[in-house]
Amino acid sequence: MAQEAEGTWGGSILSVPDGNGVSKVGTIPAYRRLLEYGWDKDSPPLIKARRVLFRLLAEDDDADQLYEFRESAGDDRDLIHRARNIVREAAAAALAHAGYEGDPRLRGAARRILARVDAYLNSPLAERPWVRVGNRQVLAAEANLPSMQMLSMIAHMPLFRSENHSQVNRLVAHLSQPLPRQEAFQLIGNHIVAQPHLILGDPLSSRSIADSDVPFALTWLELMARLGFLRKNEGWVSLFERFLDDRDRDFVWHPHRGTAKPQTSNPDVWVHFPLDEGSLGEDRWSDVTFRLGLIARLLGRPIEPV
């Protein structure tokens, strides 16, 4: 009901609500959340949004396609180019999530996105992507690291992964390496800009990290399972098995400490969590229990209803 006539939500592309409700949700999170709820890609609201998303795949620097990034980018060509890259990858992830893998427009965008990341991973720059600007180290302008949106795009394109298995498999080493001490800031033209969507290394390297943000941990494990990477990392497998061990005799997950429903402030998680808004009784654990079952299914394990 909050969708606008042209097919967008909230006049934005990537915004997520600060709390409960959908009053400030952007187009791509809203679109993907409906897919998670089980809406068909050919249902009226998703068809209305489809035209907008396919337009965003274009390999251009059209400032009129920046939405909430328009004001901060101004007339700076470098900032406009950065924003268009972010929006393009997010649109590709949404369309892949919806099942448009066979569409040549999405496949073309996916090839270009993967090619840029693969060229970076195969370059000497990948070994040390940092440059010193003043008294801080930031990512070089030429560093094309993978993003959460790019990984999500590939995760929902199984045929594309098979056709480009060498390039996709090269991502494993990067995603498994320890996170650097530096934060994700990058030199963009003459600006130093935060790039929180970029993946610098393994963001789920310990049990304490998983416990501190259970929704993100499950989002990452699901993403790695879809990519076929989960089995290749003993640490991630161990964390998943530990989540399974936290289920009761009815196979319902419960937290180690406290009785509150897991929460997160990570915007990448809003699409998936929580789908069940219940915060009392056993409803509190339904989202985590469901995700554990989904990840197990993606790993090929049998699911037996109880």
C-alpha atoms as a PDB file:
ATOM      1  CA  MET A   1       0.000   0.000   0.000  1.00  0.00           C
ATOM      2  CA  ALA A   2       2.990   2.319   0.451  1.00  0.00           C
ATOM      3  CA  GLN A   3       4.181   1.866  -3.141  1.00  0.00           C
ATOM      4  CA  GLU A   4       4.131   4.979  -5.312  1.00  0.00           C
ATOM      5  CA  ALA A   5       2.557   5.196  -8.763  1.00  0.00           C
ATOM      6  CA  GLU A   6       5.820   4.855 -10.703  1.00  0.00           C
ATOM      7  CA  GLY A   7       6.681   1.654  -8.831  1.00  0.00           C
ATOM      8  CA  THR A   8       9.079   2.964  -6.190  1.00  0.00           C
ATOM      9  CA  TRP A   9       8.762   3.064  -2.423  1.00  0.00           C
ATOM     10  CA  GLY A  10       9.588   6.090  -0.288  1.00  0.00           C
ATOM     11  CA  GLY A  11      11.201   7.981  -3.159  1.00  0.00           C
ATOM     12  CA  SER A  12      14.426   6.103  -2.431  1.00  0.00           C
ATOM     13  CA  ILE A  13      16.252   2.968  -3.514  1.00  0.00           C
ATOM     14  CA  LEU A  14      18.153   1.503  -0.550  1.00  0.00           C
ATOM     15  CA  SER A  15      16.690   3.131   2.571  1.00  0.00           C
ATOM     16  CA  VAL A  16      15.530   0.850   5.367  1.00  0.00           C
ATOM     17  CA  PRO A  17      13.271   1.767   8.313  1.00  0.00           C
ATOM     18  CA  ASP A  18      14.903   2.845  11.554  1.00  0.00           C
ATOM     19  CA  GLY A  19      12.540   0.675  13.596  1.00  0.00           C
ATOM     20  CA  ASN A  20       9.271  -1.152  13.120  1.00  0.00           C
ATOM     21  CA  GLY A  21       7.024  -0.481  10.151  1.00  0.00           C
ATOM     22  CA  VAL A  22       7.755   0.374   6.529  1.00  0.00           C
ATOM     23  CA  SER A  23       7.224   4.135   6.429  1.00  0.00           C
ATOM     24  CA  LYS A  24      10.791   4.859   5.276  1.00  0.00           C
ATOM     25  CA  VAL A  25      11.535   1.731   3.292  1.00  0.00           C
ATOM     26  CA  GLY A  26      13.250   2.125  -0.075  1.00  0.00           C
ATOM     27  CA  THR A  27      12.384   0.403  -3.341  1.00  0.00           C
ATOM     28  CA  ILE A  28      14.896  -2.448  -3.364  1.00  0.00           C
ATOM     29  CA  PRO A  29      14.476  -3.501   0.299  1.00  0.00           C
ATOM     30  CA  ALA A  30      10.685  -3.380  -0.132  1.00  0.00           C
ATOM     31  CA  TYR A  31      10.832  -5.383  -3.363  1.00  0.00           C
ATOM     32  CA  ARG A  32      13.079  -8.051  -1.864  1.00  0.00           C
ATOM     33  CA  ARG A  33      11.124  -8.194   1.389  1.00  0.00           C
ATOM     34  CA  LEU A  34       7.968  -9.017  -0.581  1.00  0.00           C
ATOM     35  CA  LEU A  35       9.893 -11.788  -2.340  1.00  0.00           C
ATOM     36  CA  GLU A  36      10.942 -13.145   1.057  1.00  0.00           C
ATOM     37  CA  TYR A  37       7.296 -13.094   2.127  1.00  0.00           C
ATOM     38  CA  GLY A  38       6.528 -15.303  -0.875  1.00  0.00           C
ATOM     39  CA  TRP A  39       5.049 -12.794  -3.328  1.00  0.00           C
ATOM     40  CA  ASP A  40       5.310 -13.869  -6.972  1.00  0.00           C
ATOM     41  CA  LYS A  41       7.551 -11.765  -9.194  1.00  0.00           C
ATOM     42  CA  ASP A  42       4.584 -11.255 -11.543  1.00  0.00           C
ATOM     43  CA  SER A  43       2.298  -9.857  -8.848  1.00  0.00           C
ATOM     44  CA  PRO A  44       1.162  -6.260  -9.556  1.00  0.00           C
ATOM     45  CA  PRO A  45       3.435  -4.370  -7.099  1.00  0.00           C
ATOM     46  CA  LEU A  46       6.540  -6.259  -8.230  1.00  0.00           C
ATOM     47  CA  ILE A  47       5.714  -5.784 -11.895  1.00  0.00           C
ATOM     48  CA  LYS A  48       5.369  -2.024 -11.279  1.00  0.00           C
ATOM     49  CA  ALA A  49       8.822  -1.923  -9.672  1.00  0.00           C
ATOM     50  CA  ARG A  50      10.449  -4.111 -12.331  1.00  0.00           C
ATOM     51  CA  ARG A  51      10.757  -1.336 -14.925  1.00  0.00           C
ATOM     52  CA  VAL A  52      12.595   0.880 -12.428  1.00  0.00           C
ATOM     53  CA  LEU A  53      15.008  -1.896 -11.490  1.00  0.00           C
ATOM     54  CA  PHE A  54      15.872  -2.828 -15.065  1.00  0.00           C
ATOM     55  CA  ARG A  55      16.500   0.855 -15.844  1.00  0.00           C
ATOM     56  CA  LEU A  56      19.017   0.971 -13.002  1.00  0.00           C
ATOM     57  CA  LEU A  57      21.102  -1.785 -14.641  1.00  0.00           C
ATOM     58  CA  ALA A  58      22.226   0.574 -17.416  1.00  0.00           C
ATOM     59  CA  GLU A  59      25.973   1.159 -17.529  1.00  0.00           C
ATOM     60  CA  ASP A  60      25.769   4.945 -17.296  1.00  0.00           C
ATOM     61  CA  ASP A  61      26.329   7.780 -14.844  1.00  0.00           C
ATOM     62  CA  ASP A  62      22.883   9.336 -15.125  1.00  0.00           C
ATOM     63  CA  ALA A  63      22.507  11.555 -12.047  1.00  0.00           C
ATOM     64  CA  ASP A  64      18.717  11.330 -12.349  1.00  0.00           C
ATOM     65  CA  GLN A  65      18.969   7.667 -11.312  1.00  0.00           C
ATOM     66  CA  LEU A  66      20.612   8.296  -7.926  1.00  0.00           C
ATOM     67  CA  TYR A  67      17.523   8.825  -5.755  1.00  0.00           C
ATOM     68  CA  GLU A  68      18.682   9.323  -2.131  1.00  0.00           C
ATOM     69  CA  PHE A  69      22.328   9.593  -3.290  1.00  0.00           C
ATOM     70  CA  ARG A  70      21.566  12.611  -5.492  1.00  0.00           C
ATOM     71  CA  GLU A  71      22.115  15.309  -2.880  1.00  0.00           C
ATOM     72  CA  SER A  72      25.380  13.937  -1.467  1.00  0.00           C
ATOM     73  CA  ALA A  73      26.821  13.269  -4.939  1.00  0.00           C
ATOM     74  CA  GLY A  74      26.079  16.777  -6.175  1.00  0.00           C
ATOM     75  CA  ASP A  75      27.699  17.429  -9.554  1.00  0.00           C
ATOM     76  CA  ASP A  76      30.871  15.492  -8.737  1.00  0.00           C
ATOM     77  CA  ARG A  77      31.442  12.917 -11.495  1.00  0.00           C
ATOM     78  CA  ASP A  78      33.366  10.541  -9.232  1.00  0.00           C
ATOM     79  CA  LEU A  79      30.677  10.513  -6.552  1.00  0.00           C
ATOM     80  CA  ILE A  80      27.949  10.093  -9.175  1.00  0.00           C
ATOM     81  CA  HIS A  81      29.842   7.141 -10.663  1.00  0.00           C
ATOM     82  CA  ARG A  82      30.219   5.558  -7.212  1.00  0.00           C
ATOM     83  CA  ALA A  83      26.527   5.964  -6.424  1.00  0.00           C
ATOM     84  CA  ARG A  84      25.461   4.524  -9.767  1.00  0.00           C
ATOM     85  CA  ASN A  85      27.656   1.464  -9.136  1.00  0.00           C
ATOM     86  CA  ILE A  86      26.023   0.903  -5.743  1.00  0.00           C
ATOM     87  CA  VAL A  87      22.506   1.298  -7.121  1.00  0.00           C
ATOM     88  CA  ARG A  88      23.279  -0.876 -10.167  1.00  0.00           C
ATOM     89  CA  GLU A  89      24.552  -3.780  -8.046  1.00  0.00           C
ATOM     90  CA  ALA A  90      21.582  -3.501  -5.693  1.00  0.00           C
ATOM     91  CA  ALA A  91      19.127  -3.581  -8.611  1.00  0.00           C
ATOM     92  CA  ALA A  92      20.909  -6.603 -10.073  1.00  0.00           C
ATOM     93  CA  ALA A  93      20.678  -8.391  -6.716  1.00  0.00           C
ATOM     94  CA  ALA A  94      16.948  -7.675  -6.494  1.00  0.00           C
ATOM     95  CA  LEU A  95      16.230  -8.917 -10.019  1.00  0.00           C
ATOM     96  CA  ALA A  96      18.322 -12.046  -9.459  1.00  0.00           C
ATOM     97  CA  HIS A  97      16.440 -12.641  -6.213  1.00  0.00           C
ATOM     98  CA  ALA A  98      13.181 -12.433  -8.173  1.00  0.00           C
ATOM     99  CA  GLY A  99      14.335 -15.097 -10.638  1.00  0.00           C
ATOM    100  CA  TYR A 100      15.254 -13.045 -13.724  1.00  0.00           C
ATOM    101  CA  GLU A 101      18.537 -14.896 -14.238  1.00  0.00           C
ATOM    102  CA  GLY A 102      17.674 -15.689 -17.857  1.00  0.00           C
ATOM    103  CA  ASP A 103      17.086 -12.053 -18.821  1.00  0.00           C
ATOM    104  CA  PRO A 104      19.976 -10.820 -21.025  1.00  0.00           C
ATOM    105  CA  ARG A 105      19.950  -7.393 -19.371  1.00  0.00           C
ATOM    106  CA  LEU A 106      20.633  -8.905 -15.958  1.00  0.00           C
ATOM    107  CA  ARG A 107      23.157 -11.404 -17.307  1.00  0.00           C
ATOM    108  CA  GLY A 108      25.047  -8.612 -19.069  1.00  0.00           C
ATOM    109  CA  ALA A 109      25.151  -6.496 -15.916  1.00  0.00           C
ATOM    110  CA  ALA A 110      26.237  -9.509 -13.853  1.00  0.00           C
ATOM    111  CA  ARG A 111      29.099 -10.278 -16.249  1.00  0.00           C
ATOM    112  CA  ARG A 112      30.374  -6.707 -16.085  1.00  0.00           C
ATOM    113  CA  ILE A 113      30.104  -6.544 -12.288  1.00  0.00           C
ATOM    114  CA  LEU A 114      31.891  -9.872 -11.820  1.00  0.00           C
ATOM    115  CA  ALA A 115      34.565  -8.976 -14.381  1.00  0.00           C
ATOM    116  CA  ARG A 116      35.504  -5.794 -12.515  1.00  0.00           C
ATOM    117  CA  VAL A 117      35.814  -7.626  -9.190  1.00  0.00           C
ATOM    118  CA  ASP A 118      37.717 -10.537 -10.740  1.00  0.00           C
ATOM    119  CA  ALA A 119      40.175  -8.185 -12.439  1.00  0.00           C
ATOM    120  CA  TYR A 120      40.875  -6.610  -9.051  1.00  0.00           C
ATOM    121  CA  LEU A 121      41.281  -9.961  -7.271  1.00  0.00           C
ATOM    122  CA  ASN A 122      43.783 -11.061  -9.947  1.00  0.00           C
ATOM    123  CA  SER A 123      45.812  -7.853  -9.720  1.00  0.00           C
ATOM    124  CA  PRO A 124      48.766  -7.025  -7.440  1.00  0.00           C
ATOM    125  CA  LEU A 125      46.557  -4.347  -5.865  1.00  0.00           C
ATOM    126  CA  ALA A 126      44.476  -7.051  -4.140  1.00  0.00           C
ATOM    127  CA  GLU A 127      47.468  -7.979  -1.949  1.00  0.00           C
ATOM    128  CA  ARG A 128      47.684  -4.460  -0.581  1.00  0.00           C
ATOM    129  CA  PRO A 129      44.797  -2.229  -1.645  1.00  0.00           C
ATOM    130  CA  TRP A 130      45.591   0.577   0.800  1.00  0.00           C
ATOM    131  CA  VAL A 131      47.023   4.015   0.074  1.00  0.00           C
ATOM    132  CA  ARG A 132      47.983   6.683   2.564  1.00  0.00           C
ATOM    133  CA  VAL A 133      46.072   9.942   2.432  1.00  0.00           C
ATOM    134  CA  GLY A 134      47.247  12.354   5.089  1.00  0.00           C
ATOM    135  CA  ASN A 135      47.502  10.400   8.326  1.00  0.00           C
ATOM    136  CA  ARG A 136      45.170   7.547   7.404  1.00  0.00           C
ATOM    137  CA  GLN A 137      45.120   4.515   5.151  1.00  0.00           C
ATOM    138  CA  VAL A 138      42.175   4.114   2.787  1.00  0.00           C
ATOM    139  CA  LEU A 139      41.292   1.857  -0.105  1.00  0.00           C
ATOM    140  CA  ALA A 140      42.770   2.880  -3.429  1.00  0.00           C
ATOM    141  CA  ALA A 141      40.338   4.289  -5.967  1.00  0.00           C
ATOM    142  CA  GLU A 142      41.028   1.320  -8.280  1.00  0.00           C
ATOM    143  CA  ALA A 143      40.128  -1.303  -5.652  1.00  0.00           C
ATOM    144  CA  ASN A 144      36.963  -3.055  -6.867  1.00  0.00           C
ATOM    145  CA  LEU A 145      36.096  -5.224  -3.896  1.00  0.00           C
ATOM    146  CA  PRO A 146      33.008  -7.438  -3.773  1.00  0.00           C
ATOM    147  CA  SER A 147      29.940  -6.021  -2.063  1.00  0.00           C
ATOM    148  CA  MET A 148      27.072  -7.673  -0.201  1.00  0.00           C
ATOM    149  CA  GLN A 149      24.784  -6.810  -3.119  1.00  0.00           C
ATOM    150  CA  MET A 150      27.148  -8.336  -5.668  1.00  0.00           C
ATOM    151  CA  LEU A 151      27.407 -11.551  -3.632  1.00  0.00           C
ATOM    152  CA  SER A 152      23.633 -11.697  -3.281  1.00  0.00           C
ATOM    153  CA  MET A 153      23.250 -11.276  -7.029  1.00  0.00           C
ATOM    154  CA  ILE A 154      25.543 -14.209  -7.786  1.00  0.00           C
ATOM    155  CA  ALA A 155      24.000 -16.304  -5.009  1.00  0.00           C
ATOM    156  CA  HIS A 156      20.622 -16.170  -6.770  1.00  0.00           C
ATOM    157  CA  MET A 157      22.037 -16.979 -10.236  1.00  0.00           C
ATOM    158  CA  PRO A 158      23.039 -20.670 -10.162  1.00  0.00           C
ATOM    159  CA  LEU A 159      23.463 -21.052 -13.942  1.00  0.00           C
ATOM    160  CA  PHE A 160      25.572 -17.900 -14.104  1.00  0.00           C
ATOM    161  CA  ARG A 161      27.763 -19.271 -11.298  1.00  0.00           C
ATOM    162  CA  SER A 162      28.252 -22.502 -13.200  1.00  0.00           C
ATOM    163  CA  GLU A 163      29.182 -20.663 -16.380  1.00  0.00           C
ATOM    164  CA  ASN A 164      31.672 -18.464 -14.514  1.00  0.00           C
ATOM    165  CA  HIS A 165      32.841 -20.964 -11.874  1.00  0.00           C
ATOM    166  CA  SER A 166      36.527 -19.992 -12.054  1.00  0.00           C
ATOM    167  CA  GLN A 167      35.829 -16.313 -11.357  1.00  0.00           C
ATOM    168  CA  VAL A 168      33.241 -17.118  -8.674  1.00  0.00           C
ATOM    169  CA  ASN A 169      35.531 -19.584  -6.913  1.00  0.00           C
ATOM    170  CA  ARG A 170      38.256 -16.951  -6.690  1.00  0.00           C
ATOM    171  CA  LEU A 171      35.982 -15.060  -4.332  1.00  0.00           C
ATOM    172  CA  VAL A 172      36.349 -17.760  -1.665  1.00  0.00           C
ATOM    173  CA  ALA A 173      39.910 -16.857  -0.750  1.00  0.00           C
ATOM    174  CA  HIS A 174      39.037 -13.175  -0.428  1.00  0.00           C
ATOM    175  CA  LEU A 175      35.935 -13.779   1.694  1.00  0.00           C
ATOM    176  CA  SER A 176      37.842 -16.143   3.992  1.00  0.00           C
ATOM    177  CA  GLN A 177      40.812 -13.884   4.718  1.00  0.00           C
ATOM    178  CA  PRO A 178      40.992 -12.058   8.078  1.00  0.00           C
ATOM    179  CA  LEU A 179      39.433  -8.623   8.226  1.00  0.00           C
ATOM    180  CA  PRO A 180      42.044  -5.870   8.110  1.00  0.00           C
ATOM    181  CA  ARG A 181      42.297  -3.368  10.937  1.00  0.00           C
ATOM    182  CA  GLN A 182      41.412  -0.521   8.597  1.00  0.00           C
ATOM    183  CA  GLU A 183      37.780   0.412   8.071  1.00  0.00           C
ATOM    184  CA  ALA A 184      36.121   0.487   4.659  1.00  0.00           C
ATOM    185  CA  PHE A 185      36.873   4.025   3.501  1.00  0.00           C
ATOM    186  CA  GLN A 186      37.926   4.609  -0.091  1.00  0.00           C
ATOM    187  CA  LEU A 187      39.504   7.362  -2.120  1.00  0.00           C
ATOM    188  CA  ILE A 188      36.853   8.472  -4.630  1.00  0.00           C
ATOM    189  CA  GLY A 189      38.293  11.237  -6.769  1.00  0.00           C
ATOM    190  CA  ASN A 190      39.289  13.904  -4.226  1.00  0.00           C
ATOM    191  CA  HIS A 191      37.007  12.514  -1.521  1.00  0.00           C
ATOM    192  CA  ILE A 192      37.410   9.894   1.190  1.00  0.00           C
ATOM    193  CA  VAL A 193      34.084   8.076   1.354  1.00  0.00           C
ATOM    194  CA  ALA A 194      32.732   5.358   3.652  1.00  0.00           C
ATOM    195  CA  GLN A 195      32.072   2.123   1.753  1.00  0.00           C
ATOM    196  CA  PRO A 196      30.309  -0.096   4.331  1.00  0.00           C
ATOM    197  CA  HIS A 197      28.799  -2.287   1.606  1.00  0.00           C
ATOM    198  CA  LEU A 198      32.232  -3.615   0.578  1.00  0.00           C
ATOM    199  CA  ILE A 199      33.510  -6.924   1.985  1.00  0.00           C
ATOM    200  CA  LEU A 200      37.144  -6.617   3.080  1.00  0.00           C
ATOM    201  CA  GLY A 201      37.415 -10.157   4.482  1.00  0.00           C
ATOM    202  CA  ASP A 202      35.595 -12.632   6.692  1.00  0.00           C
ATOM    203  CA  PRO A 203      32.938 -10.682   8.657  1.00  0.00           C
ATOM    204  CA  LEU A 204      31.949 -13.761  10.686  1.00  0.00           C
ATOM    205  CA  SER A 205      35.248 -15.002  12.009  1.00  0.00           C
ATOM    206  CA  SER A 206      34.321 -15.844  15.605  1.00  0.00           C
ATOM    207  CA  ARG A 207      31.596 -17.069  17.906  1.00  0.00           C
ATOM    208  CA  SER A 208      31.433 -13.744  19.727  1.00  0.00           C
ATOM    209  CA  ILE A 209      30.672 -11.901  16.479  1.00  0.00           C
ATOM    210  CA  ALA A 210      27.858 -14.355  15.707  1.00  0.00           C
ATOM    211  CA  ASP A 211      26.400 -14.020  19.211  1.00  0.00           C
ATOM    212  CA  SER A 212      26.487 -10.231  19.060  1.00  0.00           C
ATOM    213  CA  ASP A 213      24.414 -10.111  15.838  1.00  0.00           C
ATOM    214  CA  VAL A 214      22.532 -13.357  15.250  1.00  0.00           C
ATOM    215  CA  PRO A 215      20.422 -12.002  12.334  1.00  0.00           C
ATOM    216  CA  PHE A 216      23.538 -10.921  10.423  1.00  0.00           C
ATOM    217  CA  ALA A 217      25.282 -14.215  11.193  1.00  0.00           C
ATOM    218  CA  LEU A 218      22.367 -16.144   9.702  1.00  0.00           C
ATOM    219  CA  THR A 219      22.185 -13.808   6.695  1.00  0.00           C
ATOM    220  CA  TRP A 220      25.879 -14.391   5.999  1.00  0.00           C
ATOM    221  CA  LEU A 221      25.662 -18.164   6.479  1.00  0.00           C
ATOM    222  CA  GLU A 222      22.659 -18.346   4.146  1.00  0.00           C
ATOM    223  CA  LEU A 223      24.476 -16.260   1.546  1.00  0.00           C
ATOM    224  CA  MET A 224      27.541 -18.507   1.744  1.00  0.00           C
ATOM    225  CA  ALA A 225      25.349 -21.613   1.508  1.00  0.00           C
ATOM    226  CA  ARG A 226      23.650 -20.277  -1.634  1.00  0.00           C
ATOM    227  CA  LEU A 227      27.055 -19.540  -3.163  1.00  0.00           C
ATOM    228  CA  GLY A 228      28.315 -23.030  -2.317  1.00  0.00           C
ATOM    229  CA  PHE A 229      31.035 -21.553  -0.087  1.00  0.00           C
ATOM    230  CA  LEU A 230      29.771 -22.601   3.348  1.00  0.00           C
ATOM    231  CA  ARG A 231      31.244 -26.101   3.240  1.00  0.00           C
ATOM    232  CA  LYS A 232      34.616 -24.676   2.226  1.00  0.00           C
ATOM    233  CA  ASN A 233      35.115 -22.742   5.464  1.00  0.00           C
ATOM    234  CA  GLU A 234      35.444 -24.769   8.674  1.00  0.00           C
ATOM    235  CA  GLY A 235      34.768 -21.723  10.833  1.00  0.00           C
ATOM    236  CA  TRP A 236      31.417 -20.992   9.199  1.00  0.00           C
ATOM    237  CA  VAL A 237      30.396 -24.650   9.325  1.00  0.00           C
ATOM    238  CA  SER A 238      31.294 -24.758  13.022  1.00  0.00           C
ATOM    239  CA  LEU A 239      29.148 -21.695  13.737  1.00  0.00           C
ATOM    240  CA  PHE A 240      26.215 -23.191  11.859  1.00  0.00           C
ATOM    241  CA  GLU A 241      26.505 -26.454  13.778  1.00  0.00           C
ATOM    242  CA  ARG A 242      26.595 -24.490  17.010  1.00  0.00           C
ATOM    243  CA  PHE A 243      23.357 -22.726  16.077  1.00  0.00           C
ATOM    244  CA  LEU A 244      21.822 -26.143  15.476  1.00  0.00           C
ATOM    245  CA  ASP A 245      23.014 -27.276  18.902  1.00  0.00           C
ATOM    246  CA  ASP A 246      21.068 -24.397  20.462  1.00  0.00           C
ATOM    247  CA  ARG A 247      17.730 -25.945  19.466  1.00  0.00           C
ATOM    248  CA  ASP A 248      15.520 -27.573  22.085  1.00  0.00           C
ATOM    249  CA  ARG A 249      14.042 -31.068  21.868  1.00  0.00           C
ATOM    250  CA  ASP A 250      11.336 -29.722  19.540  1.00  0.00           C
ATOM    251  CA  PHE A 251      14.096 -28.327  17.265  1.00  0.00           C
ATOM    252  CA  VAL A 252      13.199 -24.721  18.088  1.00  0.00           C
ATOM    253  CA  TRP A 253      16.204 -22.425  18.473  1.00  0.00           C
ATOM    254  CA  HIS A 254      16.742 -20.487  21.727  1.00  0.00           C
ATOM    255  CA  PRO A 255      19.455 -17.951  22.587  1.00  0.00           C
ATOM    256  CA  HIS A 256      22.260 -18.649  25.033  1.00  0.00           C
ATOM    257  CA  ARG A 257      21.363 -15.666  27.158  1.00  0.00           C
ATOM    258  CA  GLY A 258      18.271 -13.558  27.693  1.00  0.00           C
ATOM    259  CA  THR A 259      14.753 -13.961  26.422  1.00  0.00           C
ATOM    260  CA  ALA A 260      14.507 -11.113  23.899  1.00  0.00           C
ATOM    261  CA  LYS A 261      14.125 -11.656  20.194  1.00  0.00           C
ATOM    262  CA  PRO A 262      17.455 -11.149  18.350  1.00  0.00           C
ATOM    263  CA  GLN A 263      17.886  -7.649  16.930  1.00  0.00           C
ATOM    264  CA  THR A 264      20.237  -6.049  14.430  1.00  0.00           C
ATOM    265  CA  SER A 265      21.035  -2.592  13.088  1.00  0.00           C
ATOM    266  CA  ASN A 266      22.684  -3.935   9.921  1.00  0.00           C
ATOM    267  CA  PRO A 267      20.753  -2.584   6.898  1.00  0.00           C
ATOM    268  CA  ASP A 268      21.732  -5.614   4.784  1.00  0.00           C
ATOM    269  CA  VAL A 269      19.648  -7.836   7.076  1.00  0.00           C
ATOM    270  CA  TRP A 270      16.330  -5.957   6.942  1.00  0.00           C
ATOM    271  CA  VAL A 271      15.242  -7.796   3.797  1.00  0.00           C
ATOM    272  CA  HIS A 272      15.355 -11.143   5.630  1.00  0.00           C
ATOM    273  CA  PHE A 273      14.773 -10.442   9.302  1.00  0.00           C
ATOM    274  CA  PRO A 274      12.368 -10.478  10.996  1.00  0.00           C
ATOM    275  CA  LEU A 275       9.648 -11.844   8.731  1.00  0.00           C
ATOM    276  CA  ASP A 276       7.586 -12.783  11.783  1.00  0.00           C
ATOM    277  CA  GLU A 277       6.920  -9.643  13.828  1.00  0.00           C
ATOM    278  CA  GLY A 278       5.948 -11.630  16.932  1.00  0.00           C
ATOM    279  CA  SER A 279       7.994 -10.728  20.011  1.00  0.00           C
ATOM    280  CA  LEU A 280       6.342 -12.880  22.666  1.00  0.00           C
ATOM    281  CA  GLY A 281       6.291 -16.586  23.408  1.00  0.00           C
ATOM    282  CA  GLU A 282       7.665 -19.041  20.888  1.00  0.00           C
ATOM    283  CA  ASP A 283       7.081 -16.509  18.082  1.00  0.00           C
ATOM    284  CA  ARG A 284      10.335 -14.880  19.153  1.00  0.00           C
ATOM    285  CA  TRP A 285      12.351 -17.788  17.803  1.00  0.00           C
ATOM    286  CA  SER A 286      10.509 -18.521  14.565  1.00  0.00           C
ATOM    287  CA  ASP A 287      12.742 -16.433  12.291  1.00  0.00           C
ATOM    288  CA  VAL A 288      15.989 -17.972  13.506  1.00  0.00           C
ATOM    289  CA  THR A 289      14.532 -21.485  13.466  1.00  0.00           C
ATOM    290  CA  PHE A 290      13.263 -20.955   9.914  1.00  0.00           C
ATOM    291  CA  ARG A 291      16.624 -19.639   8.677  1.00  0.00           C
ATOM    292  CA  LEU A 292      18.473 -22.591  10.191  1.00  0.00           C
ATOM    293  CA  GLY A 293      16.154 -24.956   8.349  1.00  0.00           C
ATOM    294  CA  LEU A 294      16.615 -23.014   5.097  1.00  0.00           C
ATOM    295  CA  ILE A 295      20.412 -23.092   5.384  1.00  0.00           C
ATOM    296  CA  ALA A 296      20.303 -26.816   6.108  1.00  0.00           C
ATOM    297  CA  ARG A 297      18.138 -27.319   3.027  1.00  0.00           C
ATOM    298  CA  LEU A 298      20.600 -25.323   0.912  1.00  0.00           C
ATOM    299  CA  LEU A 299      23.365 -27.618   2.190  1.00  0.00           C
ATOM    300  CA  GLY A 300      21.396 -30.626   1.007  1.00  0.00           C
ATOM    301  CA  ARG A 301      20.394 -31.898   4.433  1.00  0.00           C
ATOM    302  CA  PRO A 302      16.988 -33.561   4.804  1.00  0.00           C
ATOM    303  CA  ILE A 303      14.236 -31.555   6.474  1.00  0.00           C
ATOM    304  CA  GLU A 304      11.689 -33.567   8.410  1.00  0.00           C
ATOM    305  CA  PRO A 305       8.586 -31.706   9.699  1.00  0.00           C
ATOM    306  CA  VAL A 306       7.878 -32.334  13.381  1.00  0.00           C
END
